[in-house]
Protein backbone atom coordinates (compact mmCIF):
# COMPACT_ATOMS: atom_id res chain seq x y z
CA LYS A 1 21.24 23.42 -27.44
CA ASN A 2 22.21 22.45 -24.02
CA HIS A 3 18.60 22.29 -22.91
CA VAL A 4 17.68 19.75 -25.64
CA LYS A 5 20.72 17.56 -24.96
CA SER A 6 20.28 17.45 -21.07
CA VAL A 7 16.43 17.50 -20.76
CA HIS A 8 15.21 15.77 -23.84
CA GLU A 9 18.07 13.55 -24.64
CA GLY A 10 19.16 12.86 -21.00
CA LYS A 11 22.85 13.67 -21.82
CA ARG A 12 24.88 14.53 -18.58
CA PRO A 13 28.52 14.30 -19.68
CA PHE A 14 29.93 15.72 -16.51
CA LYS A 15 30.29 13.05 -13.86
CA CYS A 16 31.45 13.77 -10.14
CA VAL A 17 34.54 11.89 -9.12
CA ILE A 18 33.42 11.56 -5.52
CA CYS A 19 29.77 10.60 -5.90
CA ASP A 20 27.35 9.52 -8.62
CA TYR A 21 26.07 12.95 -9.48
CA CYS A 22 25.91 13.83 -13.14
CA CYS A 23 25.00 16.98 -14.97
CA SER A 24 25.04 18.61 -18.31
CA GLN A 25 27.22 21.72 -17.57
CA LYS A 26 30.63 22.26 -16.14
CA ASN A 27 29.71 25.18 -13.92
CA ASP A 28 26.89 23.05 -12.43
CA MET A 29 29.54 20.36 -11.54
CA ASN A 30 31.75 23.09 -10.02
CA ARG A 31 28.92 24.32 -7.90
CA HIS A 32 28.01 20.66 -6.83
CA VAL A 33 31.65 19.85 -5.69
CA ALA A 34 31.86 23.28 -3.84
CA SER A 35 28.63 23.03 -1.96
CA ILE A 36 28.30 19.29 -1.40
CA HIS A 37 31.77 17.88 -1.02
CA GLU A 38 33.60 21.17 0.15
CA GLY A 39 30.63 22.62 2.20
CA LYS A 40 30.82 26.06 0.47
CA LYS A 41 27.19 27.70 0.85
CA PRO A 42 27.64 31.47 0.45
CA PHE A 43 24.10 32.31 0.67
CA SER A 44 22.31 32.36 4.08
CA CYS A 45 18.86 32.97 5.32
CA GLU A 46 18.38 36.10 7.56
CA ILE A 47 15.42 34.26 9.40
CA CYS A 48 16.95 30.95 10.17
CA ASP A 49 20.19 28.96 9.85
CA TYR A 50 19.49 27.72 6.25
CA ARG A 51 22.61 28.02 3.88
CA CYS A 52 22.79 27.28 0.23
CA SER A 53 24.94 27.54 -2.81
CA ARG A 54 22.57 29.40 -5.17
CA LYS A 55 20.81 32.75 -4.55
CA SER A 56 17.72 31.40 -6.41
CA SER A 57 17.59 28.53 -4.01
CA LEU A 58 17.69 31.03 -0.92
CA ILE A 59 14.75 33.01 -2.62
CA LYS A 60 12.84 29.75 -2.95
CA HIS A 61 13.50 28.73 0.64
CA VAL A 62 12.26 32.09 1.93
CA GLU A 63 9.12 32.02 -0.21
CA SER A 64 8.16 28.48 0.65
CA VAL A 65 9.37 28.13 4.28
CA HIS A 66 8.79 31.66 5.67
CA GLU A 67 6.13 33.14 3.43
CA GLY A 68 4.33 29.76 2.88
CA LYS A 69 4.13 29.90 -0.87
CA LYS A 70 3.29 26.60 -2.53
CA PRO A 71 2.11 27.28 -6.06
CA PHE A 72 2.36 23.86 -7.49
CA LYS A 73 -0.83 21.94 -6.63
CA CYS A 74 -1.67 18.28 -7.12
CA ASN A 75 -4.83 17.85 -9.14
CA ILE A 76 -5.56 14.53 -7.52
CA CYS A 77 -5.36 15.15 -3.79
CA ASP A 78 -4.88 18.93 -3.72
CA TYR A 79 -1.47 18.79 -1.79
CA SER A 80 0.72 21.77 -2.55
CA PHE A 81 4.48 22.23 -3.14
CA SER A 82 6.83 24.98 -3.40
CA LEU A 83 8.95 23.23 -6.19
CA LYS A 84 7.68 21.78 -9.54
CA SER A 85 10.13 18.95 -9.12
CA SER A 86 8.50 18.08 -5.70
CA LEU A 87 5.03 17.91 -7.23
CA LYS A 88 6.53 15.47 -9.94
CA THR A 89 8.06 13.33 -7.24
CA HIS A 90 4.89 13.30 -5.37
CA MET A 91 2.82 12.24 -8.48
CA GLU A 92 5.29 9.39 -9.17
CA SER A 93 5.65 8.09 -5.61
CA VAL A 94 2.06 8.54 -4.25
CA HIS A 95 -0.29 8.38 -7.17
CA GLU A 96 1.71 6.21 -9.55
CA ARG A 97 3.32 4.27 -6.66
CA ARG A 98 6.80 4.27 -8.40
CA LYS A 99 9.70 3.11 -6.18
CA PRO A 100 12.59 2.66 -8.65
CA PHE A 101 15.29 2.66 -5.84
CA THR A 102 15.77 -0.83 -4.36
CA CYS A 103 18.06 -1.87 -1.56
CA ASN A 104 20.40 -4.50 -2.80
CA ILE A 105 20.68 -5.99 0.75
CA CYS A 106 16.86 -6.56 1.68
CA ASP A 107 14.95 -5.57 -1.51
CA ASN A 108 13.07 -2.79 0.12
CA SER A 109 12.02 -0.14 -2.55
CA TYR A 110 11.87 3.70 -2.16
CA SER A 111 10.57 6.46 -4.45
CA MET A 112 13.62 8.74 -3.79
CA LYS A 113 17.34 7.85 -3.72
CA GLY A 114 17.86 9.83 -0.58
CA ASN A 115 15.31 7.56 1.24
CA LEU A 116 17.06 4.51 -0.05
CA ASN A 117 20.46 5.88 1.26
CA ARG A 118 18.90 6.84 4.69
CA HIS A 119 17.55 3.28 4.93
CA ILE A 120 20.91 1.68 4.17
CA GLU A 121 22.78 3.87 6.60
CA SER A 122 20.28 3.46 9.57
CA VAL A 123 19.08 -0.15 9.02
CA HIS A 124 22.08 -1.97 7.49
CA GLU A 125 24.90 0.24 8.83
CA GLY A 126 23.32 1.12 12.14
CA ARG A 127 24.05 4.96 11.83
CA LYS A 128 22.05 7.04 14.26
CA PRO A 129 23.46 10.54 14.06
CA TYR A 130 20.78 12.27 16.01
CA SER A 131 21.11 12.03 19.74
CA CYS A 132 18.81 13.34 22.59
CA ARG A 133 20.58 15.79 24.89
CA LEU A 134 18.33 14.73 27.76
CA CYS A 135 18.56 10.99 27.65
CA ASN A 136 20.40 8.15 25.73
CA TYR A 137 18.01 7.93 22.84
CA SER A 138 19.49 8.21 19.31
CA CYS A 139 17.88 7.87 15.87
CA SER A 140 18.66 8.07 12.21
CA GLN A 141 16.35 11.10 11.30
CA LYS A 142 16.11 14.53 12.69
CA THR A 143 12.22 14.32 12.51
CA ASP A 144 12.28 11.43 14.72
CA LEU A 145 14.34 13.19 17.36
CA ILE A 146 11.95 16.08 17.20
CA LYS A 147 8.99 13.66 17.80
CA HIS A 148 10.92 12.03 20.69
CA LEU A 149 11.51 15.46 22.31
CA LYS A 150 7.91 16.32 22.04
CA SER A 151 6.42 13.06 23.23
CA VAL A 152 8.96 12.00 25.87
CA HIS A 153 10.34 15.30 27.18
CA GLU A 154 7.39 17.54 26.24
CA GLU A 155 9.50 19.98 24.35
CA LYS A 156 8.20 22.37 21.73
CA LYS A 157 11.34 22.13 19.66
């Protein structure tokens, strides 16, 4: 019953009072508030510093990151993913070129909401939370800092 309402009818009656997250079940909302807004992530990886709010997420993390399991394969370009949802996002953004999230300041479009938010924070709000400990370089994405460290300071990590 809940599956039909949430998946097939798109009904998500539980709305977060802090952000725009919506879901179909109350305990999903409770978990969202606890993990996202209160920082409660009781499950931690024994191999790295990854933490999460669900045991199933930890299992998926270990399988994909540490064991390299990526069972969801794109039938167009053979790219592989650890999550079915990541394959779906890939299909929509890469092969269907869907970019439903548009910046209301400059009209740039993005395939994922997180990328739009990162764009707004870095380009329009000037936020650059990642700083190099060896020089005065700062950037908006962790991957850019890693590239900087490798190319400028010749660090492995």
